[in-house]
PDB file of N, CA and C in Angstrom:
ATOM      1  N   MET A   1       0.847  -1.176   0.000  1.00  0.00           N
ATOM      2  CA  MET A   1       0.000   0.000   0.000  1.00  0.00           C
ATOM      3  C   MET A   1       0.897   1.246   0.000  1.00  0.00           C
ATOM      4  N   ARG A   2       0.503   2.232  -0.810  1.00  0.00           N
ATOM      5  CA  ARG A   2       1.267   3.468  -0.902  1.00  0.00           C
ATOM      6  C   ARG A   2       0.490   4.591  -0.214  1.00  0.00           C
ATOM      7  N   ILE A   3       1.145   5.293   0.661  1.00  0.00           N
ATOM      8  CA  ILE A   3       0.499   6.387   1.384  1.00  0.00           C
ATOM      9  C   ILE A   3       0.916   7.704   0.740  1.00  0.00           C
ATOM     10  N   ASN A   4      -0.071   8.491   0.359  1.00  0.00           N
ATOM     11  CA  ASN A   4       0.170   9.784  -0.265  1.00  0.00           C
ATOM     12  C   ASN A   4       0.269  10.833   0.836  1.00  0.00           C
ATOM     13  N   THR A   5       1.439  11.470   0.951  1.00  0.00           N
ATOM     14  CA  THR A   5       1.655  12.450   2.022  1.00  0.00           C
ATOM     15  C   THR A   5       1.592  13.894   1.528  1.00  0.00           C
ATOM     16  N   GLU A   6       1.195  14.100   0.265  1.00  0.00           N
ATOM     17  CA  GLU A   6       1.100  15.467  -0.264  1.00  0.00           C
ATOM     18  C   GLU A   6      -0.032  16.213   0.431  1.00  0.00           C
ATOM     19  N   PRO A   7       0.163  17.521   0.657  1.00  0.00           N
ATOM     20  CA  PRO A   7      -0.912  18.275   1.334  1.00  0.00           C
ATOM     21  C   PRO A   7      -2.169  18.362   0.460  1.00  0.00           C
ATOM     22  N   LYS A   8      -3.285  18.317   1.099  1.00  0.00           N
ATOM     23  CA  LYS A   8      -4.576  18.435   0.407  1.00  0.00           C
ATOM     24  C   LYS A   8      -5.163  19.806   0.737  1.00  0.00           C
ATOM     25  N   LEU A   9      -5.736  20.454  -0.264  1.00  0.00           N
ATOM     26  CA  LEU A   9      -6.318  21.780  -0.071  1.00  0.00           C
ATOM     27  C   LEU A   9      -7.832  21.701  -0.169  1.00  0.00           C
ATOM     28  N   ASN A  10      -8.500  22.540   0.574  1.00  0.00           N
ATOM     29  CA  ASN A  10      -9.948  22.685   0.430  1.00  0.00           C
ATOM     30  C   ASN A  10     -10.251  24.168   0.234  1.00  0.00           C
ATOM     31  N   PHE A  11     -11.512  24.546   0.265  1.00  0.00           N
ATOM     32  CA  PHE A  11     -11.889  25.930  -0.017  1.00  0.00           C
ATOM     33  C   PHE A  11     -11.352  26.907   1.028  1.00  0.00           C
ATOM     34  N   GLU A  12     -11.102  26.457   2.231  1.00  0.00           N
ATOM     35  CA  GLU A  12     -10.558  27.344   3.258  1.00  0.00           C
ATOM     36  C   GLU A  12      -9.096  27.685   2.986  1.00  0.00           C
ATOM     37  N   ASP A  13      -8.410  26.832   2.229  1.00  0.00           N
ATOM     38  CA  ASP A  13      -6.986  27.034   1.960  1.00  0.00           C
ATOM     39  C   ASP A  13      -6.705  27.847   0.703  1.00  0.00           C
ATOM     40  N   VAL A  14      -7.722  28.098  -0.089  1.00  0.00           N
ATOM     41  CA  VAL A  14      -7.527  28.757  -1.380  1.00  0.00           C
ATOM     42  C   VAL A  14      -8.172  30.142  -1.348  1.00  0.00           C
ATOM     43  N   LEU A  15      -7.411  31.127  -1.759  1.00  0.00           N
ATOM     44  CA  LEU A  15      -7.928  32.483  -1.823  1.00  0.00           C
ATOM     45  C   LEU A  15      -7.862  32.958  -3.272  1.00  0.00           C
ATOM     46  N   LEU A  16      -8.990  33.307  -3.835  1.00  0.00           N
ATOM     47  CA  LEU A  16      -9.037  33.844  -5.192  1.00  0.00           C
ATOM     48  C   LEU A  16      -9.091  35.359  -5.098  1.00  0.00           C
ATOM     49  N   GLN A  17      -8.128  36.001  -5.703  1.00  0.00           N
ATOM     50  CA  GLN A  17      -8.105  37.449  -5.693  1.00  0.00           C
ATOM     51  C   GLN A  17      -8.306  37.956  -7.113  1.00  0.00           C
ATOM     52  N   PRO A  18      -9.153  38.957  -7.268  1.00  0.00           N
ATOM     53  CA  PRO A  18      -9.333  39.514  -8.610  1.00  0.00           C
ATOM     54  C   PRO A  18      -8.055  40.192  -9.089  1.00  0.00           C
ATOM     55  N   LYS A  19      -7.848  40.114 -10.370  1.00  0.00           N
ATOM     56  CA  LYS A  19      -6.665  40.702 -10.984  1.00  0.00           C
ATOM     57  C   LYS A  19      -7.009  42.116 -11.455  1.00  0.00           C
ATOM     58  N   ARG A  20      -6.050  43.001 -11.442  1.00  0.00           N
ATOM     59  CA  ARG A  20      -6.279  44.349 -11.967  1.00  0.00           C
ATOM     60  C   ARG A  20      -6.610  44.258 -13.444  1.00  0.00           C
ATOM     61  N   SER A  21      -7.467  45.151 -13.877  1.00  0.00           N
ATOM     62  CA  SER A  21      -7.903  45.116 -15.259  1.00  0.00           C
ATOM     63  C   SER A  21      -8.068  46.526 -15.793  1.00  0.00           C
ATOM     64  N   THR A  22      -7.945  46.651 -17.098  1.00  0.00           N
ATOM     65  CA  THR A  22      -8.153  47.954 -17.732  1.00  0.00           C
ATOM     66  C   THR A  22      -9.597  48.106 -18.201  1.00  0.00           C
ATOM     67  N   LEU A  23     -10.416  47.081 -17.999  1.00  0.00           N
ATOM     68  CA  LEU A  23     -11.817  47.155 -18.423  1.00  0.00           C
ATOM     69  C   LEU A  23     -12.576  48.097 -17.511  1.00  0.00           C
ATOM     70  N   SER A  24     -13.434  48.886 -18.104  1.00  0.00           N
ATOM     71  CA  SER A  24     -14.205  49.831 -17.302  1.00  0.00           C
ATOM     72  C   SER A  24     -15.540  49.256 -16.859  1.00  0.00           C
ATOM     73  N   SER A  25     -15.964  48.158 -17.483  1.00  0.00           N
ATOM     74  CA  SER A  25     -17.260  47.571 -17.151  1.00  0.00           C
ATOM     75  C   SER A  25     -17.207  46.061 -17.356  1.00  0.00           C
ATOM     76  N   ARG A  26     -18.066  45.325 -16.648  1.00  0.00           N
ATOM     77  CA  ARG A  26     -18.157  43.879 -16.852  1.00  0.00           C
ATOM     78  C   ARG A  26     -18.698  43.545 -18.236  1.00  0.00           C
ATOM     79  N   ARG A  27     -19.405  44.485 -18.841  1.00  0.00           N
ATOM     80  CA  ARG A  27     -19.924  44.269 -20.198  1.00  0.00           C
ATOM     81  C   ARG A  27     -18.803  44.149 -21.227  1.00  0.00           C
ATOM     82  N   ASP A  28     -17.644  44.676 -20.905  1.00  0.00           N
ATOM     83  CA  ASP A  28     -16.517  44.633 -21.835  1.00  0.00           C
ATOM     84  C   ASP A  28     -15.812  43.278 -21.865  1.00  0.00           C
ATOM     85  N   VAL A  29     -16.181  42.384 -20.964  1.00  0.00           N
ATOM     86  CA  VAL A  29     -15.537  41.070 -20.892  1.00  0.00           C
ATOM     87  C   VAL A  29     -16.009  40.218 -22.066  1.00  0.00           C
ATOM     88  N   ASP A  30     -15.069  39.609 -22.768  1.00  0.00           N
ATOM     89  CA  ASP A  30     -15.387  38.727 -23.884  1.00  0.00           C
ATOM     90  C   ASP A  30     -15.015  37.298 -23.491  1.00  0.00           C
ATOM     91  N   MET A  31     -16.029  36.459 -23.312  1.00  0.00           N
ATOM     92  CA  MET A  31     -15.784  35.075 -22.890  1.00  0.00           C
ATOM     93  C   MET A  31     -15.881  34.094 -24.044  1.00  0.00           C
ATOM     94  N   THR A  32     -16.042  34.572 -25.263  1.00  0.00           N
ATOM     95  CA  THR A  32     -16.119  33.663 -26.405  1.00  0.00           C
ATOM     96  C   THR A  32     -14.752  33.058 -26.685  1.00  0.00           C
ATOM     97  N   ARG A  33     -14.792  31.876 -27.260  1.00  0.00           N
ATOM     98  CA  ARG A  33     -13.569  31.157 -27.612  1.00  0.00           C
ATOM     99  C   ARG A  33     -13.675  30.670 -29.042  1.00  0.00           C
ATOM    100  N   LYS A  34     -12.526  30.538 -29.698  1.00  0.00           N
ATOM    101  CA  LYS A  34     -12.490  29.991 -31.056  1.00  0.00           C
ATOM    102  C   LYS A  34     -12.215  28.501 -30.971  1.00  0.00           C
ATOM    103  N   PHE A  35     -13.040  27.716 -31.648  1.00  0.00           N
ATOM    104  CA  PHE A  35     -12.864  26.271 -31.694  1.00  0.00           C
ATOM    105  C   PHE A  35     -12.631  25.859 -33.137  1.00  0.00           C
ATOM    106  N   THR A  36     -11.552  25.133 -33.374  1.00  0.00           N
ATOM    107  CA  THR A  36     -11.248  24.614 -34.701  1.00  0.00           C
ATOM    108  C   THR A  36     -11.495  23.113 -34.662  1.00  0.00           C
ATOM    109  N   PHE A  37     -12.367  22.642 -35.554  1.00  0.00           N
ATOM    110  CA  PHE A  37     -12.715  21.234 -35.585  1.00  0.00           C
ATOM    111  C   PHE A  37     -11.684  20.491 -36.426  1.00  0.00           C
ATOM    112  N   ARG A  38     -11.117  19.463 -35.827  1.00  0.00           N
ATOM    113  CA  ARG A  38      -9.989  18.745 -36.400  1.00  0.00           C
ATOM    114  C   ARG A  38     -10.303  18.135 -37.755  1.00  0.00           C
ATOM    115  N   ASN A  39     -11.442  17.475 -37.911  1.00  0.00           N
ATOM    116  CA  ASN A  39     -11.733  16.757 -39.147  1.00  0.00           C
ATOM    117  C   ASN A  39     -12.227  17.652 -40.277  1.00  0.00           C
ATOM    118  N   SER A  40     -13.014  18.664 -39.950  1.00  0.00           N
ATOM    119  CA  SER A  40     -13.555  19.514 -41.007  1.00  0.00           C
ATOM    120  C   SER A  40     -12.722  20.767 -41.243  1.00  0.00           C
ATOM    121  N   GLY A  41     -11.950  21.160 -40.231  1.00  0.00           N
ATOM    122  CA  GLY A  41     -11.170  22.378 -40.358  1.00  0.00           C
ATOM    123  C   GLY A  41     -11.988  23.638 -40.146  1.00  0.00           C
ATOM    124  N   LYS A  42     -13.293  23.492 -39.873  1.00  0.00           N
ATOM    125  CA  LYS A  42     -14.144  24.661 -39.644  1.00  0.00           C
ATOM    126  C   LYS A  42     -13.799  25.301 -38.314  1.00  0.00           C
ATOM    127  N   VAL A  43     -13.961  26.613 -38.256  1.00  0.00           N
ATOM    128  CA  VAL A  43     -13.678  27.370 -37.047  1.00  0.00           C
ATOM    129  C   VAL A  43     -14.980  28.021 -36.587  1.00  0.00           C
ATOM    130  N   MET A  44     -15.293  27.856 -35.304  1.00  0.00           N
ATOM    131  CA  MET A  44     -16.475  28.498 -34.734  1.00  0.00           C
ATOM    132  C   MET A  44     -16.034  29.358 -33.563  1.00  0.00           C
ATOM    133  N   ASP A  45     -16.650  30.498 -33.437  1.00  0.00           N
ATOM    134  CA  ASP A  45     -16.358  31.433 -32.366  1.00  0.00           C
ATOM    135  C   ASP A  45     -17.624  31.551 -31.528  1.00  0.00           C
ATOM    136  N   PHE A  46     -17.634  30.921 -30.337  1.00  0.00           N
ATOM    137  CA  PHE A  46     -18.839  30.972 -29.515  1.00  0.00           C
ATOM    138  C   PHE A  46     -18.491  30.832 -28.045  1.00  0.00           C
ATOM    139  N   LEU A  47     -19.482  31.078 -27.210  1.00  0.00           N
ATOM    140  CA  LEU A  47     -19.358  30.949 -25.770  1.00  0.00           C
ATOM    141  C   LEU A  47     -19.656  29.495 -25.416  1.00  0.00           C
ATOM    142  N   PRO A  48     -18.742  28.764 -24.797  1.00  0.00           N
ATOM    143  CA  PRO A  48     -18.956  27.336 -24.570  1.00  0.00           C
ATOM    144  C   PRO A  48     -19.957  27.032 -23.466  1.00  0.00           C
ATOM    145  N   ILE A  49     -21.184  27.521 -23.661  1.00  0.00           N
ATOM    146  CA  ILE A  49     -22.300  27.208 -22.768  1.00  0.00           C
ATOM    147  C   ILE A  49     -23.381  26.595 -23.639  1.00  0.00           C
ATOM    148  N   PHE A  50     -23.879  25.427 -23.230  1.00  0.00           N
ATOM    149  CA  PHE A  50     -24.863  24.692 -24.015  1.00  0.00           C
ATOM    150  C   PHE A  50     -26.149  24.537 -23.230  1.00  0.00           C
ATOM    151  N   ALA A  51     -27.291  24.757 -23.892  1.00  0.00           N
ATOM    152  CA  ALA A  51     -28.584  24.437 -23.291  1.00  0.00           C
ATOM    153  C   ALA A  51     -28.786  22.938 -23.437  1.00  0.00           C
ATOM    154  N   SER A  52     -29.333  22.324 -22.430  1.00  0.00           N
ATOM    155  CA  SER A  52     -29.505  20.878 -22.412  1.00  0.00           C
ATOM    156  C   SER A  52     -30.523  20.422 -23.447  1.00  0.00           C
ATOM    157  N   ASN A  53     -30.457  19.122 -23.772  1.00  0.00           N
ATOM    158  CA  ASN A  53     -31.407  18.579 -24.741  1.00  0.00           C
ATOM    159  C   ASN A  53     -32.628  17.970 -24.060  1.00  0.00           C
ATOM    160  N   MET A  54     -33.009  18.480 -22.890  1.00  0.00           N
ATOM    161  CA  MET A  54     -34.219  18.012 -22.224  1.00  0.00           C
ATOM    162  C   MET A  54     -35.434  18.484 -23.017  1.00  0.00           C
ATOM    163  N   ASP A  55     -36.534  17.748 -22.893  1.00  0.00           N
ATOM    164  CA  ASP A  55     -37.765  18.169 -23.571  1.00  0.00           C
ATOM    165  C   ASP A  55     -38.145  19.570 -23.120  1.00  0.00           C
ATOM    166  N   GLY A  56     -38.470  20.387 -24.054  1.00  0.00           N
ATOM    167  CA  GLY A  56     -38.878  21.751 -23.753  1.00  0.00           C
ATOM    168  C   GLY A  56     -37.720  22.729 -23.669  1.00  0.00           C
ATOM    169  N   VAL A  57     -36.480  22.253 -23.632  1.00  0.00           N
ATOM    170  CA  VAL A  57     -35.327  23.142 -23.550  1.00  0.00           C
ATOM    171  C   VAL A  57     -34.570  23.162 -24.871  1.00  0.00           C
ATOM    172  N   GLY A  58     -34.284  21.985 -25.417  1.00  0.00           N
ATOM    173  CA  GLY A  58     -33.509  21.894 -26.649  1.00  0.00           C
ATOM    174  C   GLY A  58     -34.363  22.084 -27.880  1.00  0.00           C
ATOM    175  N   THR A  59     -34.944  23.254 -28.014  1.00  0.00           N
ATOM    176  CA  THR A  59     -35.836  23.543 -29.139  1.00  0.00           C
ATOM    177  C   THR A  59     -35.188  24.558 -30.069  1.00  0.00           C
ATOM    178  N   PHE A  60     -35.760  24.699 -31.246  1.00  0.00           N
ATOM    179  CA  PHE A  60     -35.213  25.659 -32.199  1.00  0.00           C
ATOM    180  C   PHE A  60     -35.441  27.095 -31.746  1.00  0.00           C
ATOM    181  N   SER A  61     -36.534  27.347 -31.051  1.00  0.00           N
ATOM    182  CA  SER A  61     -36.760  28.708 -30.550  1.00  0.00           C
ATOM    183  C   SER A  61     -35.726  29.052 -29.470  1.00  0.00           C
ATOM    184  N   MET A  62     -35.379  28.081 -28.633  1.00  0.00           N
ATOM    185  CA  MET A  62     -34.332  28.299 -27.640  1.00  0.00           C
ATOM    186  C   MET A  62     -32.993  28.519 -28.337  1.00  0.00           C
ATOM    187  N   ALA A  63     -32.742  27.749 -29.396  1.00  0.00           N
ATOM    188  CA  ALA A  63     -31.485  27.887 -30.138  1.00  0.00           C
ATOM    189  C   ALA A  63     -31.357  29.291 -30.723  1.00  0.00           C
ATOM    190  N   LYS A  64     -32.442  29.828 -31.248  1.00  0.00           N
ATOM    191  CA  LYS A  64     -32.391  31.179 -31.826  1.00  0.00           C
ATOM    192  C   LYS A  64     -32.061  32.222 -30.767  1.00  0.00           C
ATOM    193  N   GLU A  65     -32.653  32.086 -29.576  1.00  0.00           N
ATOM    194  CA  GLU A  65     -32.382  33.048 -28.506  1.00  0.00           C
ATOM    195  C   GLU A  65     -30.952  32.921 -27.984  1.00  0.00           C
ATOM    196  N   MET A  66     -30.506  31.681 -27.796  1.00  0.00           N
ATOM    197  CA  MET A  66     -29.151  31.471 -27.285  1.00  0.00           C
ATOM    198  C   MET A  66     -28.109  31.917 -28.307  1.00  0.00           C
ATOM    199  N   GLN A  67     -28.446  31.771 -29.570  1.00  0.00           N
ATOM    200  CA  GLN A  67     -27.522  32.148 -30.636  1.00  0.00           C
ATOM    201  C   GLN A  67     -27.229  33.648 -30.633  1.00  0.00           C
ATOM    202  N   LYS A  68     -28.179  34.435 -30.154  1.00  0.00           N
ATOM    203  CA  LYS A  68     -27.975  35.880 -30.070  1.00  0.00           C
ATOM    204  C   LYS A  68     -26.796  36.213 -29.153  1.00  0.00           C
ATOM    205  N   HIS A  69     -26.520  35.318 -28.201  1.00  0.00           N
ATOM    206  CA  HIS A  69     -25.432  35.523 -27.247  1.00  0.00           C
ATOM    207  C   HIS A  69     -24.262  34.585 -27.513  1.00  0.00           C
ATOM    208  N   LYS A  70     -24.224  34.014 -28.727  1.00  0.00           N
ATOM    209  CA  LYS A  70     -23.161  33.098 -29.170  1.00  0.00           C
ATOM    210  C   LYS A  70     -23.070  31.860 -28.292  1.00  0.00           C
ATOM    211  N   MET A  71     -24.224  31.351 -27.841  1.00  0.00           N
ATOM    212  CA  MET A  71     -24.278  30.114 -27.079  1.00  0.00           C
ATOM    213  C   MET A  71     -24.930  29.035 -27.929  1.00  0.00           C
ATOM    214  N   MET A  72     -24.760  27.786 -27.528  1.00  0.00           N
ATOM    215  CA  MET A  72     -25.240  26.655 -28.314  1.00  0.00           C
ATOM    216  C   MET A  72     -26.414  25.964 -27.624  1.00  0.00           C
ATOM    217  N   THR A  73     -27.187  25.225 -28.401  1.00  0.00           N
ATOM    218  CA  THR A  73     -28.296  24.427 -27.893  1.00  0.00           C
ATOM    219  C   THR A  73     -28.191  23.018 -28.453  1.00  0.00           C
ATOM    220  N   VAL A  74     -28.366  22.037 -27.594  1.00  0.00           N
ATOM    221  CA  VAL A  74     -28.406  20.643 -28.030  1.00  0.00           C
ATOM    222  C   VAL A  74     -29.873  20.321 -28.297  1.00  0.00           C
ATOM    223  N   ILE A  75     -30.198  20.076 -29.554  1.00  0.00           N
ATOM    224  CA  ILE A  75     -31.586  19.840 -29.954  1.00  0.00           C
ATOM    225  C   ILE A  75     -32.032  18.458 -29.482  1.00  0.00           C
ATOM    226  N   THR A  76     -33.296  18.345 -29.076  1.00  0.00           N
ATOM    227  CA  THR A  76     -33.821  17.079 -28.559  1.00  0.00           C
ATOM    228  C   THR A  76     -33.769  15.986 -29.612  1.00  0.00           C
ATOM    229  N   LYS A  77     -33.619  14.739 -29.161  1.00  0.00           N
ATOM    230  CA  LYS A  77     -33.507  13.610 -30.084  1.00  0.00           C
ATOM    231  C   LYS A  77     -34.837  13.273 -30.755  1.00  0.00           C
ATOM    232  N   THR A  78     -35.932  13.803 -30.245  1.00  0.00           N
ATOM    233  CA  THR A  78     -37.234  13.528 -30.851  1.00  0.00           C
ATOM    234  C   THR A  78     -37.542  14.452 -32.023  1.00  0.00           C
ATOM    235  N   THR A  79     -36.646  15.373 -32.328  1.00  0.00           N
ATOM    236  CA  THR A  79     -36.850  16.289 -33.446  1.00  0.00           C
ATOM    237  C   THR A  79     -36.777  15.519 -34.758  1.00  0.00           C
ATOM    238  N   THR A  80     -37.768  15.703 -35.587  1.00  0.00           N
ATOM    239  CA  THR A  80     -37.834  14.979 -36.859  1.00  0.00           C
ATOM    240  C   THR A  80     -36.979  15.677 -37.917  1.00  0.00           C
ATOM    241  N   PRO A  81     -36.585  14.961 -38.963  1.00  0.00           N
ATOM    242  CA  PRO A  81     -35.838  15.602 -40.064  1.00  0.00           C
ATOM    243  C   PRO A  81     -36.628  16.741 -40.701  1.00  0.00           C
ATOM    244  N   GLU A  82     -37.945  16.617 -40.734  1.00  0.00           N
ATOM    245  CA  GLU A  82     -38.773  17.690 -41.301  1.00  0.00           C
ATOM    246  C   GLU A  82     -38.671  18.959 -40.455  1.00  0.00           C
ATOM    247  N   GLN A  83     -38.620  18.799 -39.138  1.00  0.00           N
ATOM    248  CA  GLN A  83     -38.467  19.958 -38.260  1.00  0.00           C
ATOM    249  C   GLN A  83     -37.087  20.601 -38.460  1.00  0.00           C
ATOM    250  N   TRP A  84     -36.053  19.768 -38.663  1.00  0.00           N
ATOM    251  CA  TRP A  84     -34.728  20.305 -38.953  1.00  0.00           C
ATOM    252  C   TRP A  84     -34.746  21.094 -40.255  1.00  0.00           C
ATOM    253  N   GLN A  85     -35.374  20.538 -41.283  1.00  0.00           N
ATOM    254  CA  GLN A  85     -35.452  21.217 -42.583  1.00  0.00           C
ATOM    255  C   GLN A  85     -36.193  22.539 -42.447  1.00  0.00           C
ATOM    256  N   ALA A  86     -37.309  22.531 -41.696  1.00  0.00           N
ATOM    257  CA  ALA A  86     -38.093  23.760 -41.519  1.00  0.00           C
ATOM    258  C   ALA A  86     -37.279  24.819 -40.765  1.00  0.00           C
ATOM    259  N   ALA A  87     -36.538  24.399 -39.757  1.00  0.00           N
ATOM    260  CA  ALA A  87     -35.738  25.353 -38.978  1.00  0.00           C
ATOM    261  C   ALA A  87     -34.624  25.940 -39.829  1.00  0.00           C
ATOM    262  N   ALA A  88     -33.982  25.121 -40.639  1.00  0.00           N
ATOM    263  CA  ALA A  88     -32.915  25.623 -41.503  1.00  0.00           C
ATOM    264  C   ALA A  88     -33.470  26.579 -42.541  1.00  0.00           C
ATOM    265  N   GLY A  89     -34.684  26.326 -42.978  1.00  0.00           N
ATOM    266  CA  GLY A  89     -35.318  27.191 -43.964  1.00  0.00           C
ATOM    267  C   GLY A  89     -35.682  28.548 -43.405  1.00  0.00           C
ATOM    268  N   THR A  90     -35.874  28.646 -42.080  1.00  0.00           N
ATOM    269  CA  THR A  90     -36.219  29.922 -41.468  1.00  0.00           C
ATOM    270  C   THR A  90     -34.992  30.687 -41.002  1.00  0.00           C
ATOM    271  N   GLY A  91     -33.825  30.209 -41.406  1.00  0.00           N
ATOM    272  CA  GLY A  91     -32.608  30.929 -41.055  1.00  0.00           C
ATOM    273  C   GLY A  91     -32.198  30.727 -39.619  1.00  0.00           C
ATOM    274  N   LEU A  92     -32.105  29.483 -39.202  1.00  0.00           N
ATOM    275  CA  LEU A  92     -31.731  29.183 -37.824  1.00  0.00           C
ATOM    276  C   LEU A  92     -30.397  29.824 -37.462  1.00  0.00           C
ATOM    277  N   GLY A  93     -29.537  29.957 -38.426  1.00  0.00           N
ATOM    278  CA  GLY A  93     -28.255  30.583 -38.118  1.00  0.00           C
ATOM    279  C   GLY A  93     -27.491  30.924 -39.372  1.00  0.00           C
ATOM    280  N   LYS A  94     -26.315  31.478 -39.178  1.00  0.00           N
ATOM    281  CA  LYS A  94     -25.517  31.869 -40.326  1.00  0.00           C
ATOM    282  C   LYS A  94     -24.851  30.673 -40.986  1.00  0.00           C
ATOM    283  N   HIS A  95     -24.922  29.488 -40.354  1.00  0.00           N
ATOM    284  CA  HIS A  95     -24.353  28.277 -40.928  1.00  0.00           C
ATOM    285  C   HIS A  95     -25.477  27.400 -41.478  1.00  0.00           C
ATOM    286  N   GLU A  96     -26.382  28.011 -42.207  1.00  0.00           N
ATOM    287  CA  GLU A  96     -27.556  27.332 -42.723  1.00  0.00           C
ATOM    288  C   GLU A  96     -27.212  26.123 -43.590  1.00  0.00           C
ATOM    289  N   GLU A  97     -26.102  26.196 -44.325  1.00  0.00           N
ATOM    290  CA  GLU A  97     -25.723  25.089 -45.210  1.00  0.00           C
ATOM    291  C   GLU A  97     -25.472  23.811 -44.428  1.00  0.00           C
ATOM    292  N   SER A  98     -25.163  23.901 -43.146  1.00  0.00           N
ATOM    293  CA  SER A  98     -24.917  22.717 -42.327  1.00  0.00           C
ATOM    294  C   SER A  98     -26.179  21.881 -42.145  1.00  0.00           C
ATOM    295  N   PHE A  99     -27.344  22.504 -42.284  1.00  0.00           N
ATOM    296  CA  PHE A  99     -28.600  21.802 -42.036  1.00  0.00           C
ATOM    297  C   PHE A  99     -29.254  21.302 -43.322  1.00  0.00           C
ATOM    298  N   ARG A 100     -28.702  21.604 -44.459  1.00  0.00           N
ATOM    299  CA  ARG A 100     -29.349  21.244 -45.718  1.00  0.00           C
ATOM    300  C   ARG A 100     -29.339  19.749 -45.985  1.00  0.00           C
ATOM    301  N   ASN A 101     -28.329  19.048 -45.543  1.00  0.00           N
ATOM    302  CA  ASN A 101     -28.203  17.618 -45.814  1.00  0.00           C
ATOM    303  C   ASN A 101     -28.478  16.778 -44.583  1.00  0.00           C
ATOM    304  N   VAL A 102     -29.514  17.125 -43.844  1.00  0.00           N
ATOM    305  CA  VAL A 102     -29.868  16.354 -42.655  1.00  0.00           C
ATOM    306  C   VAL A 102     -30.303  14.963 -43.102  1.00  0.00           C
ATOM    307  N   PRO A 103     -29.649  13.911 -42.597  1.00  0.00           N
ATOM    308  CA  PRO A 103     -29.999  12.563 -43.050  1.00  0.00           C
ATOM    309  C   PRO A 103     -31.387  12.152 -42.579  1.00  0.00           C
ATOM    310  N   ARG A 104     -32.027  11.360 -43.391  1.00  0.00           N
ATOM    311  CA  ARG A 104     -33.338  10.818 -43.036  1.00  0.00           C
ATOM    312  C   ARG A 104     -33.159   9.658 -42.066  1.00  0.00           C
ATOM    313  N   CYS A 105     -34.170   9.415 -41.257  1.00  0.00           N
ATOM    314  CA  CYS A 105     -34.130   8.301 -40.319  1.00  0.00           C
ATOM    315  C   CYS A 105     -34.098   6.986 -41.062  1.00  0.00           C
ATOM    316  N   GLN A 106     -33.187   6.102 -40.681  1.00  0.00           N
ATOM    317  CA  GLN A 106     -33.078   4.791 -41.301  1.00  0.00           C
ATOM    318  C   GLN A 106     -33.571   3.676 -40.396  1.00  0.00           C
ATOM    319  N   ASP A 107     -33.794   3.973 -39.125  1.00  0.00           N
ATOM    320  CA  ASP A 107     -34.221   2.940 -38.204  1.00  0.00           C
ATOM    321  C   ASP A 107     -35.182   3.529 -37.165  1.00  0.00           C
ATOM    322  N   ASP A 108     -35.531   2.732 -36.188  1.00  0.00           N
ATOM    323  CA  ASP A 108     -36.498   3.158 -35.181  1.00  0.00           C
ATOM    324  C   ASP A 108     -35.878   3.979 -34.058  1.00  0.00           C
ATOM    325  N   TYR A 109     -34.571   4.228 -34.094  1.00  0.00           N
ATOM    326  CA  TYR A 109     -33.908   4.937 -32.999  1.00  0.00           C
ATOM    327  C   TYR A 109     -33.889   6.444 -33.198  1.00  0.00           C
ATOM    328  N   CYS A 110     -34.441   6.955 -34.276  1.00  0.00           N
ATOM    329  CA  CYS A 110     -34.434   8.394 -34.516  1.00  0.00           C
ATOM    330  C   CYS A 110     -35.588   9.065 -33.839  1.00  0.00           C
TER     331      CYS A 110
END
């Protein structure tokens, strides 16, 4: 048996201090990040916060609202290909071409 003698820290041992900043307001903070996808080479610039795909949350209307703030939405698995086509047709986002080739359901798991 190996005994680990390294000190352990908890919240009482850690002090977070704000750093000086030249920003005049919290509104000036930019939390977006650039993500480059390895296989496609596409680059997306967004805030890495995702709305869950729970029923009633992962909807296209939620996606449109979250998109205004550069956030993402995980669409529910019960969404039909026709609903995807309709959403892409209404301009769900600036990457509309991504939704044009939505595959049709091939089995009962869609």
